[in-house]
Amino acid sequence: MRKVLRHGFIFLPAFSLLLLPAAACAQVIIIDNVSVCHYVQGNGKLPYGKAPDLDDEKWTISPSNNTVEIKTGGFVMDDVEVYGGYSDDIVVHDTENEKNIDAKNNRVTVRGTVEGNVYGGFTFDVGGSAIGNTVVIDGTVLGNVYGGGSESGGSSDSGDAVNNTVRITGSPVVSGILYGGEAEDGISEGNTLLLESAITVAGLRDFQILSFALPDGTKNGDVMLSVIEMEAQGDTPDSYYGEAVIDGATVKIRGDFSSLGIGDKITLIDAEKNLEGEPANRYARRRGFEFHIAKEGGKLVATLEDRPDTGGCNASGMFGLLSLILLYALKHRSGKPGK
């Protein structure tokens, strides 16, 4: 059975030991220059001053609609895992909470450093699903990042992982694998990667929507997501490292296209070992810009084929231009303006 300390202990710089009070409003914030050495979890209620006994305590805060924020300078150490919302047979063992087995609509923001894994929402051995959770990485994570996850145990199959989001922005560092929605026995669908900053990670899995927001000044040949075989924290199959799984994923592109010309290429994903599967779409369009999406070896590449200010220099635009020229010639064949 997986056991998790709710709200853990905090070690201040002076090494004084304090118990983090229960979050009645389902919000946990790790402030600057504070280090945490036990699991961080958005939900759970521990009576102040009482040692946690997971076999006896009755957890009363729902595993949904919680917020966890690791601020700049905050540090979660020693492979400690961070959960926006966590659901297992302990959390839901009482009658009051039996219906609250899903981990839904939780949000985790990392601007500091986490040495372990980060989960937006997670369910274990209760059949519950991880739904609509969000993880924002604008800091450092040495482990894996999961938008949502559901794992089976001895008494129940896993649930589903649906509509979870991982947003990479600012100045991110992730040494592990990015997972959108990992469902061991269930369905993984509608999970989104929103990539706003270039990053190098150890793997990419379980995303059905890949949304790339090109930063200002993006130019021909730039790489958005590099996937390499680097060693990370946590228990992960070795075969996952260096691999990006994109089969059936819808590719979206937005952001700054102003510095790109027709024929310029952006490498959306560069997978060192393996780029598995084919994307669902071959073209991505935004505000008159049209990108062709294709695999080139271990790379997923977007090539700009049309933009609104080219005067119609692609194939369809050239046809339109020739049509106008022909119409003009027909109207003026007698040397007089047409009526």
Foldseek 3Di string as FASTA:
>chain_A
DDDFDEQAWKQAPVRDIAGDAADPVQEEEQDARIEGAGAYESFFHDPHPDDDDLVPDATDGAQEDHEYEYAARYYYDDQHEYEQGEAECSHQVDPVRVVRQANEHGEYEYQYEYQHEYEQYEYEANQYEYYHGEYEFQYEYQEEYELYEWCHDDRDATHWYAQGEYEYDHHGAYAEEYAQYYHPPYYQDNGEYEFAAAYEYFAYDRHQEYEYADEPPDEFPEERYEFAQDDGDDDDDSVRGLEYEAAAHAYEYHHDCPHYDAFGKYFDYARPPAYHHDYNDQWYDDQFWIWGWDDDGRTTMTGTHTHDPPCQPHPVRVVVVVVVVVVQCVQCVVVDHHD
